[in-house]
């Protein structure tokens, strides 16, 4: 799930390098949703790595909401 990748990126720190193709696809979703700012290789590039430079305000807001929901549950 892309949100789990967002949590993982936050835990690892920035800049975060993502190299496996499944995670890069998830990162594309996060970037399209404007949750991160990242340089992502084009789908036809083999072996390319993506670099996440920033979690946006929207991304950080989502992470805060997830934490609040976890505390409630």
C-alpha atoms as a PDB file:
ATOM      1  CA  UNK A   1       0.000   0.000   0.000  1.00  0.00           C
ATOM      2  CA  UNK A   2       1.442   3.418  -0.912  1.00  0.00           C
ATOM      3  CA  UNK A   3       0.701   4.884   2.529  1.00  0.00           C
ATOM      4  CA  UNK A   4       2.940   2.263   4.139  1.00  0.00           C
ATOM      5  CA  UNK A   5       5.733   3.427   1.833  1.00  0.00           C
ATOM      6  CA  UNK A   6       5.128   7.011   2.960  1.00  0.00           C
ATOM      7  CA  UNK A   7       5.501   5.937   6.598  1.00  0.00           C
ATOM      8  CA  UNK A   8       8.678   4.033   5.728  1.00  0.00           C
ATOM      9  CA  UNK A   9      10.150   7.045   3.930  1.00  0.00           C
ATOM     10  CA  UNK A  10       9.482   9.254   6.936  1.00  0.00           C
ATOM     11  CA  UNK A  11      11.107   6.731   9.280  1.00  0.00           C
ATOM     12  CA  UNK A  12      14.220   6.388   7.081  1.00  0.00           C
ATOM     13  CA  UNK A  13      14.752  10.089   6.630  1.00  0.00           C
ATOM     14  CA  UNK A  14      15.349  12.224   3.578  1.00  0.00           C
ATOM     15  CA  UNK A  15      16.581  12.084   0.954  1.00  0.00           C
ATOM     16  CA  UNK A  16      15.329   8.526   0.520  1.00  0.00           C
ATOM     17  CA  UNK A  17      16.458   6.356  -2.370  1.00  0.00           C
ATOM     18  CA  UNK A  18      13.978   3.795  -3.679  1.00  0.00           C
ATOM     19  CA  UNK A  19      15.268   1.173  -6.084  1.00  0.00           C
ATOM     20  CA  UNK A  20      12.802  -1.706  -6.321  1.00  0.00           C
ATOM     21  CA  UNK A  21      10.200  -1.436  -9.076  1.00  0.00           C
ATOM     22  CA  UNK A  22       7.157  -2.198  -6.884  1.00  0.00           C
ATOM     23  CA  UNK A  23       8.052   0.597  -4.463  1.00  0.00           C
ATOM     24  CA  UNK A  24       8.778   2.968  -7.339  1.00  0.00           C
ATOM     25  CA  UNK A  25       5.265   2.311  -8.672  1.00  0.00           C
ATOM     26  CA  UNK A  26       3.856   3.104  -5.212  1.00  0.00           C
ATOM     27  CA  UNK A  27       5.985   6.238  -5.136  1.00  0.00           C
ATOM     28  CA  UNK A  28       4.418   7.334  -8.422  1.00  0.00           C
ATOM     29  CA  UNK A  29       1.022   7.184  -6.692  1.00  0.00           C
ATOM     30  CA  UNK A  30       2.309   9.222  -3.749  1.00  0.00           C
ATOM     31  CA  UNK A  31       3.767  11.837  -6.070  1.00  0.00           C
ATOM     32  CA  UNK A  32       0.575  12.007  -8.164  1.00  0.00           C
ATOM     33  CA  UNK A  33      -1.369  12.594  -4.927  1.00  0.00           C
ATOM     34  CA  UNK A  34       1.118  15.387  -4.096  1.00  0.00           C
ATOM     35  CA  UNK A  35       2.195  13.684  -0.898  1.00  0.00           C
ATOM     36  CA  UNK A  36       5.901  13.703  -1.827  1.00  0.00           C
ATOM     37  CA  UNK A  37       8.336  15.512  -4.074  1.00  0.00           C
ATOM     38  CA  UNK A  38      10.531  12.984  -5.834  1.00  0.00           C
ATOM     39  CA  UNK A  39      12.654  12.341  -8.892  1.00  0.00           C
ATOM     40  CA  UNK A  40      11.368   9.118 -10.418  1.00  0.00           C
ATOM     41  CA  UNK A  41      12.828   7.342 -13.453  1.00  0.00           C
ATOM     42  CA  UNK A  42      10.531   6.828 -16.414  1.00  0.00           C
ATOM     43  CA  UNK A  43       8.805   3.426 -16.532  1.00  0.00           C
ATOM     44  CA  UNK A  44      10.921   2.336 -19.518  1.00  0.00           C
ATOM     45  CA  UNK A  45      14.214   2.889 -17.645  1.00  0.00           C
ATOM     46  CA  UNK A  46      15.550  -0.364 -16.221  1.00  0.00           C
ATOM     47  CA  UNK A  47      17.447  -0.344 -12.966  1.00  0.00           C
ATOM     48  CA  UNK A  48      16.836   3.315 -12.228  1.00  0.00           C
ATOM     49  CA  UNK A  49      16.406   4.548  -8.685  1.00  0.00           C
ATOM     50  CA  UNK A  50      13.980   7.161  -7.410  1.00  0.00           C
ATOM     51  CA  UNK A  51      14.914   9.811  -4.872  1.00  0.00           C
ATOM     52  CA  UNK A  52      12.381  11.331  -2.485  1.00  0.00           C
ATOM     53  CA  UNK A  53      13.423  14.851  -1.556  1.00  0.00           C
ATOM     54  CA  UNK A  54      10.486  15.976   0.544  1.00  0.00           C
ATOM     55  CA  UNK A  55       7.251  14.891   2.163  1.00  0.00           C
ATOM     56  CA  UNK A  56       4.815  17.682   1.371  1.00  0.00           C
ATOM     57  CA  UNK A  57       2.510  19.460   3.784  1.00  0.00           C
ATOM     58  CA  UNK A  58      -0.299  17.200   2.543  1.00  0.00           C
ATOM     59  CA  UNK A  59       1.837  14.118   3.135  1.00  0.00           C
ATOM     60  CA  UNK A  60       2.732  15.196   6.660  1.00  0.00           C
ATOM     61  CA  UNK A  61      -0.931  15.967   7.384  1.00  0.00           C
ATOM     62  CA  UNK A  62      -1.883  12.469   6.272  1.00  0.00           C
ATOM     63  CA  UNK A  63       0.786  10.944   8.510  1.00  0.00           C
ATOM     64  CA  UNK A  64      -0.510  12.956  11.478  1.00  0.00           C
ATOM     65  CA  UNK A  65      -4.087  11.788  10.816  1.00  0.00           C
ATOM     66  CA  UNK A  66      -2.927   8.177  10.616  1.00  0.00           C
ATOM     67  CA  UNK A  67      -1.128   8.494  13.942  1.00  0.00           C
ATOM     68  CA  UNK A  68      -4.206  10.061  15.558  1.00  0.00           C
ATOM     69  CA  UNK A  69      -6.427   7.246  14.266  1.00  0.00           C
ATOM     70  CA  UNK A  70      -3.979   4.660  15.576  1.00  0.00           C
ATOM     71  CA  UNK A  71      -4.089   6.221  19.052  1.00  0.00           C
ATOM     72  CA  UNK A  72      -7.897   6.151  19.042  1.00  0.00           C
ATOM     73  CA  UNK A  73      -8.183   2.530  17.903  1.00  0.00           C
END
